[in-house]
Amino acid sequence: QVPVVESGGGLVQPGGSLRLSCVASGSIFIRFNPMGWYRQAPGKQRELVASITAGGSTNYADSVKGRFTISRDNAKNTVYLQMNSLKPEDTAVYYCSAGDAGALGWGQGTQVTVSS
């Protein structure tokens, strides 16, 4: 069983917005686990974009602070990444992680392309 499934990626113009969703499987309860969003651009290493602890504390990469917001809906067992003011350098495959640094698993990724 895939631990988490991402959706919501796509093609957007610079300055636009997207909201990514990450639905966790029934064996992972996001209310008890840290969750995160990572991204990997072509030729680059995977990097942490945003994370949220079980207690609700959030952390963001400097490059997305003020533009991206991570949140969760415990009832839906879903984590979101709201991305505003998107830039071409945000183009990447975005991955959802469950547990510390993905210790409980990763999704298959969703492509985000920012281009005019």
N, C-alpha and C. Protein backbone atom coordinates (compact mmCIF):
# COMPACT_ATOMS: atom_id res chain seq x y z
N GLN A 1 0.85 -1.19 0.00
CA GLN A 1 0.00 0.00 0.00
C GLN A 1 0.88 1.23 0.00
N VAL A 2 0.58 2.16 -0.93
CA VAL A 2 1.35 3.40 -1.00
C VAL A 2 1.03 4.21 0.24
N PRO A 3 2.06 4.66 0.95
CA PRO A 3 1.79 5.36 2.22
C PRO A 3 1.08 6.69 2.05
N VAL A 4 1.46 7.46 1.02
CA VAL A 4 0.83 8.75 0.77
C VAL A 4 0.69 8.95 -0.73
N VAL A 5 -0.32 9.70 -1.13
CA VAL A 5 -0.57 9.97 -2.55
C VAL A 5 -0.74 11.46 -2.74
N GLU A 6 0.10 12.03 -3.61
CA GLU A 6 0.03 13.46 -3.89
C GLU A 6 -0.84 13.75 -5.10
N SER A 7 -1.36 14.95 -5.15
CA SER A 7 -2.11 15.43 -6.30
C SER A 7 -2.07 16.95 -6.29
N GLY A 8 -2.49 17.53 -7.42
CA GLY A 8 -2.61 18.99 -7.49
C GLY A 8 -1.55 19.69 -8.29
N GLY A 9 -0.58 18.95 -8.80
CA GLY A 9 0.45 19.60 -9.60
C GLY A 9 -0.09 20.00 -10.96
N GLY A 10 0.75 20.72 -11.71
CA GLY A 10 0.33 21.14 -13.05
C GLY A 10 1.21 22.24 -13.57
N LEU A 11 0.75 22.84 -14.66
CA LEU A 11 1.44 23.95 -15.30
C LEU A 11 0.79 25.25 -14.89
N VAL A 12 1.59 26.19 -14.44
CA VAL A 12 1.05 27.48 -13.99
C VAL A 12 2.01 28.58 -14.44
N GLN A 13 1.46 29.75 -14.69
CA GLN A 13 2.29 30.88 -15.08
C GLN A 13 2.98 31.49 -13.87
N PRO A 14 4.11 32.14 -14.08
CA PRO A 14 4.77 32.84 -12.96
C PRO A 14 3.79 33.80 -12.27
N GLY A 15 3.84 33.79 -10.96
CA GLY A 15 2.92 34.60 -10.17
C GLY A 15 1.64 33.89 -9.81
N GLY A 16 1.43 32.73 -10.38
CA GLY A 16 0.20 31.98 -10.11
C GLY A 16 0.27 31.16 -8.84
N SER A 17 -0.78 30.38 -8.61
CA SER A 17 -0.90 29.59 -7.39
C SER A 17 -1.32 28.17 -7.71
N LEU A 18 -0.94 27.27 -6.83
CA LEU A 18 -1.38 25.87 -6.87
C LEU A 18 -1.50 25.39 -5.44
N ARG A 19 -2.39 24.42 -5.25
CA ARG A 19 -2.48 23.76 -3.95
C ARG A 19 -2.26 22.28 -4.15
N LEU A 20 -1.24 21.77 -3.51
CA LEU A 20 -0.96 20.34 -3.53
C LEU A 20 -1.63 19.66 -2.35
N SER A 21 -2.08 18.43 -2.59
CA SER A 21 -2.70 17.64 -1.53
C SER A 21 -1.92 16.34 -1.37
N CYS A 22 -1.89 15.86 -0.15
CA CYS A 22 -1.22 14.60 0.18
C CYS A 22 -2.15 13.81 1.10
N VAL A 23 -2.71 12.74 0.56
CA VAL A 23 -3.62 11.90 1.35
C VAL A 23 -2.83 10.72 1.88
N ALA A 24 -2.84 10.55 3.20
CA ALA A 24 -2.13 9.44 3.82
C ALA A 24 -3.01 8.21 3.89
N SER A 25 -2.38 7.04 3.80
CA SER A 25 -3.12 5.78 3.88
C SER A 25 -3.66 5.58 5.29
N GLY A 26 -4.54 4.62 5.43
CA GLY A 26 -5.17 4.39 6.73
C GLY A 26 -4.21 3.96 7.81
N SER A 27 -3.03 3.50 7.45
CA SER A 27 -2.06 3.05 8.45
C SER A 27 -1.22 4.19 8.99
N ILE A 28 -1.35 5.38 8.39
CA ILE A 28 -0.58 6.54 8.83
C ILE A 28 -1.55 7.61 9.27
N PHE A 29 -1.45 8.00 10.53
CA PHE A 29 -2.31 9.04 11.07
C PHE A 29 -1.50 10.32 11.17
N ILE A 30 -1.84 11.27 10.31
CA ILE A 30 -1.01 12.47 10.22
C ILE A 30 -1.03 13.26 11.51
N ARG A 31 -2.09 13.10 12.33
CA ARG A 31 -2.16 13.88 13.55
C ARG A 31 -1.09 13.47 14.55
N PHE A 32 -0.52 12.28 14.35
CA PHE A 32 0.49 11.79 15.28
C PHE A 32 1.91 11.83 14.71
N ASN A 33 2.02 12.25 13.45
CA ASN A 33 3.31 12.16 12.78
C ASN A 33 3.70 13.47 12.10
N PRO A 34 5.01 13.74 12.06
CA PRO A 34 5.46 14.88 11.26
C PRO A 34 5.28 14.55 9.78
N MET A 35 4.92 15.55 9.01
CA MET A 35 4.71 15.39 7.58
C MET A 35 5.49 16.49 6.86
N GLY A 36 5.88 16.20 5.63
CA GLY A 36 6.66 17.21 4.92
C GLY A 36 6.43 17.18 3.42
N TRP A 37 6.84 18.27 2.81
CA TRP A 37 6.86 18.38 1.36
C TRP A 37 8.31 18.64 0.93
N TYR A 38 8.75 17.84 -0.01
CA TYR A 38 10.07 17.99 -0.60
C TYR A 38 9.91 18.25 -2.09
N ARG A 39 10.95 18.70 -2.73
CA ARG A 39 10.93 18.85 -4.17
C ARG A 39 12.29 18.50 -4.76
N GLN A 40 12.25 18.07 -6.01
CA GLN A 40 13.48 17.74 -6.70
C GLN A 40 13.38 18.25 -8.13
N ALA A 41 14.27 19.17 -8.45
CA ALA A 41 14.35 19.70 -9.81
C ALA A 41 15.36 18.87 -10.60
N PRO A 42 15.27 18.88 -11.92
CA PRO A 42 16.21 18.11 -12.74
C PRO A 42 17.65 18.47 -12.43
N GLY A 43 18.47 17.45 -12.20
CA GLY A 43 19.88 17.67 -11.94
C GLY A 43 20.21 18.17 -10.55
N LYS A 44 19.20 18.25 -9.69
CA LYS A 44 19.43 18.75 -8.33
C LYS A 44 19.02 17.71 -7.31
N GLN A 45 19.51 17.88 -6.10
CA GLN A 45 19.13 16.98 -5.01
C GLN A 45 17.75 17.33 -4.48
N ARG A 46 17.11 16.33 -3.91
CA ARG A 46 15.82 16.56 -3.27
C ARG A 46 16.03 17.48 -2.07
N GLU A 47 15.14 18.46 -1.92
CA GLU A 47 15.26 19.41 -0.82
C GLU A 47 13.95 19.55 -0.08
N LEU A 48 14.06 19.85 1.21
CA LEU A 48 12.87 20.08 2.02
C LEU A 48 12.28 21.44 1.68
N VAL A 49 10.99 21.45 1.44
CA VAL A 49 10.27 22.69 1.16
C VAL A 49 9.55 23.19 2.40
N ALA A 50 8.81 22.28 3.04
CA ALA A 50 8.05 22.66 4.22
C ALA A 50 7.74 21.41 5.03
N SER A 51 7.58 21.60 6.34
CA SER A 51 7.24 20.48 7.20
C SER A 51 6.31 20.96 8.31
N ILE A 52 5.58 20.00 8.86
CA ILE A 52 4.68 20.31 9.96
C ILE A 52 4.77 19.18 10.96
N THR A 53 4.94 19.53 12.23
CA THR A 53 5.06 18.52 13.26
C THR A 53 3.68 18.05 13.72
N ALA A 54 3.69 17.00 14.53
CA ALA A 54 2.43 16.52 15.08
C ALA A 54 1.77 17.61 15.93
N GLY A 55 2.59 18.46 16.53
CA GLY A 55 2.06 19.54 17.35
C GLY A 55 1.61 20.74 16.56
N GLY A 56 1.88 20.73 15.26
CA GLY A 56 1.42 21.83 14.41
C GLY A 56 2.47 22.88 14.09
N SER A 57 3.67 22.71 14.59
CA SER A 57 4.73 23.67 14.25
C SER A 57 5.16 23.46 12.81
N THR A 58 5.44 24.58 12.16
CA THR A 58 5.80 24.51 10.75
C THR A 58 7.22 25.03 10.51
N ASN A 59 7.80 24.58 9.43
CA ASN A 59 9.15 25.00 9.05
C ASN A 59 9.19 25.11 7.53
N TYR A 60 9.88 26.14 7.03
CA TYR A 60 9.94 26.37 5.60
C TYR A 60 11.36 26.63 5.13
N ALA A 61 11.62 26.22 3.91
CA ALA A 61 12.88 26.60 3.27
C ALA A 61 12.87 28.11 3.06
N ASP A 62 14.03 28.71 3.16
CA ASP A 62 14.10 30.17 3.00
C ASP A 62 13.54 30.62 1.66
N SER A 63 13.72 29.79 0.65
CA SER A 63 13.31 30.18 -0.71
C SER A 63 11.79 30.25 -0.88
N VAL A 64 11.03 29.67 0.05
CA VAL A 64 9.57 29.67 -0.10
C VAL A 64 8.85 30.41 1.03
N LYS A 65 9.59 30.88 2.01
CA LYS A 65 8.97 31.59 3.13
C LYS A 65 8.16 32.78 2.63
N GLY A 66 6.96 32.90 3.17
CA GLY A 66 6.08 34.00 2.76
C GLY A 66 5.27 33.70 1.52
N ARG A 67 5.58 32.63 0.82
CA ARG A 67 4.86 32.28 -0.40
C ARG A 67 4.10 30.96 -0.27
N PHE A 68 4.67 30.01 0.45
CA PHE A 68 4.08 28.68 0.60
C PHE A 68 3.55 28.52 2.02
N THR A 69 2.49 27.73 2.14
CA THR A 69 1.92 27.43 3.45
C THR A 69 1.57 25.95 3.52
N ILE A 70 2.09 25.29 4.54
CA ILE A 70 1.74 23.89 4.78
C ILE A 70 0.65 23.84 5.83
N SER A 71 -0.30 22.95 5.63
CA SER A 71 -1.38 22.80 6.60
C SER A 71 -1.88 21.36 6.55
N ARG A 72 -2.75 21.03 7.47
CA ARG A 72 -3.28 19.66 7.46
C ARG A 72 -4.71 19.66 7.94
N ASP A 73 -5.42 18.64 7.48
CA ASP A 73 -6.79 18.38 7.92
C ASP A 73 -6.78 16.97 8.50
N ASN A 74 -6.77 16.89 9.83
CA ASN A 74 -6.67 15.58 10.47
C ASN A 74 -7.87 14.69 10.14
N ALA A 75 -9.03 15.28 10.03
CA ALA A 75 -10.23 14.50 9.75
C ALA A 75 -10.14 13.82 8.38
N LYS A 76 -9.48 14.47 7.45
CA LYS A 76 -9.31 13.91 6.11
C LYS A 76 -7.98 13.20 5.95
N ASN A 77 -7.18 13.21 7.01
CA ASN A 77 -5.85 12.60 6.96
C ASN A 77 -5.05 13.11 5.77
N THR A 78 -5.12 14.41 5.57
CA THR A 78 -4.56 15.05 4.38
C THR A 78 -3.70 16.24 4.77
N VAL A 79 -2.58 16.37 4.08
CA VAL A 79 -1.69 17.52 4.25
C VAL A 79 -1.70 18.32 2.96
N TYR A 80 -1.66 19.63 3.08
CA TYR A 80 -1.72 20.51 1.92
C TYR A 80 -0.46 21.37 1.83
N LEU A 81 -0.18 21.80 0.62
CA LEU A 81 0.85 22.80 0.41
C LEU A 81 0.27 23.86 -0.53
N GLN A 82 -0.05 25.01 0.04
CA GLN A 82 -0.55 26.13 -0.75
C GLN A 82 0.65 26.91 -1.26
N MET A 83 0.73 27.04 -2.57
CA MET A 83 1.88 27.71 -3.18
C MET A 83 1.39 28.94 -3.94
N ASN A 84 1.82 30.10 -3.50
CA ASN A 84 1.45 31.36 -4.13
C ASN A 84 2.68 32.04 -4.71
N SER A 85 2.45 33.00 -5.57
CA SER A 85 3.54 33.77 -6.18
C SER A 85 4.62 32.85 -6.74
N LEU A 86 4.18 31.87 -7.48
CA LEU A 86 5.12 30.86 -7.98
C LEU A 86 6.12 31.46 -8.96
N LYS A 87 7.32 30.91 -8.91
CA LYS A 87 8.42 31.37 -9.76
C LYS A 87 8.92 30.20 -10.63
N PRO A 88 9.55 30.50 -11.74
CA PRO A 88 10.08 29.40 -12.57
C PRO A 88 11.02 28.47 -11.79
N GLU A 89 11.74 29.01 -10.83
CA GLU A 89 12.65 28.17 -10.04
C GLU A 89 11.93 27.24 -9.07
N ASP A 90 10.62 27.37 -8.96
CA ASP A 90 9.82 26.42 -8.16
C ASP A 90 9.50 25.16 -8.96
N THR A 91 9.83 25.15 -10.22
CA THR A 91 9.55 23.98 -11.06
C THR A 91 10.32 22.76 -10.54
N ALA A 92 9.58 21.69 -10.29
CA ALA A 92 10.18 20.48 -9.73
C ALA A 92 9.10 19.42 -9.58
N VAL A 93 9.53 18.22 -9.24
CA VAL A 93 8.59 17.20 -8.78
C VAL A 93 8.49 17.36 -7.27
N TYR A 94 7.28 17.46 -6.78
CA TYR A 94 7.03 17.65 -5.37
C TYR A 94 6.59 16.34 -4.74
N TYR A 95 7.24 16.00 -3.62
CA TYR A 95 6.98 14.74 -2.94
C TYR A 95 6.46 15.01 -1.53
N CYS A 96 5.52 14.20 -1.12
CA CYS A 96 5.04 14.24 0.25
C CYS A 96 5.76 13.16 1.04
N SER A 97 6.13 13.50 2.27
CA SER A 97 6.81 12.53 3.12
C SER A 97 6.03 12.35 4.42
N ALA A 98 6.04 11.12 4.92
CA ALA A 98 5.38 10.80 6.19
C ALA A 98 6.44 10.38 7.20
N GLY A 99 6.35 10.93 8.40
CA GLY A 99 7.35 10.64 9.42
C GLY A 99 8.58 11.52 9.25
N ASP A 100 9.48 11.44 10.19
CA ASP A 100 10.72 12.22 10.11
C ASP A 100 11.49 11.87 8.85
N ALA A 101 11.73 12.86 8.01
CA ALA A 101 12.48 12.68 6.76
C ALA A 101 11.98 11.49 5.96
N GLY A 102 10.69 11.27 5.95
CA GLY A 102 10.11 10.19 5.16
C GLY A 102 10.29 8.81 5.72
N ALA A 103 10.51 8.70 7.03
CA ALA A 103 10.74 7.38 7.64
C ALA A 103 9.55 6.43 7.47
N LEU A 104 8.35 7.00 7.33
CA LEU A 104 7.16 6.16 7.16
C LEU A 104 6.77 6.00 5.70
N GLY A 105 7.45 6.70 4.81
CA GLY A 105 7.17 6.50 3.41
C GLY A 105 7.05 7.79 2.61
N TRP A 106 7.06 7.62 1.30
CA TRP A 106 7.00 8.72 0.35
C TRP A 106 5.91 8.46 -0.68
N GLY A 107 5.45 9.56 -1.27
CA GLY A 107 4.54 9.42 -2.38
C GLY A 107 5.31 9.31 -3.68
N GLN A 108 4.54 9.22 -4.77
CA GLN A 108 5.14 9.05 -6.08
C GLN A 108 5.54 10.38 -6.70
N GLY A 109 5.09 11.47 -6.12
CA GLY A 109 5.46 12.80 -6.60
C GLY A 109 4.43 13.38 -7.56
N THR A 110 4.39 14.70 -7.62
CA THR A 110 3.51 15.40 -8.56
C THR A 110 4.32 16.54 -9.18
N GLN A 111 4.21 16.66 -10.49
CA GLN A 111 5.02 17.64 -11.22
C GLN A 111 4.40 19.03 -11.13
N VAL A 112 5.22 20.00 -10.80
CA VAL A 112 4.83 21.40 -10.82
C VAL A 112 5.75 22.12 -11.80
N THR A 113 5.15 22.75 -12.78
CA THR A 113 5.91 23.48 -13.78
C THR A 113 5.43 24.93 -13.82
N VAL A 114 6.36 25.84 -13.61
CA VAL A 114 6.04 27.27 -13.62
C VAL A 114 6.70 27.88 -14.85
N SER A 115 5.87 28.27 -15.79
CA SER A 115 6.39 28.76 -17.06
C SER A 115 5.35 29.60 -17.76
N SER A 116 5.82 30.58 -18.50
CA SER A 116 4.91 31.40 -19.29
C SER A 116 4.82 30.86 -20.71
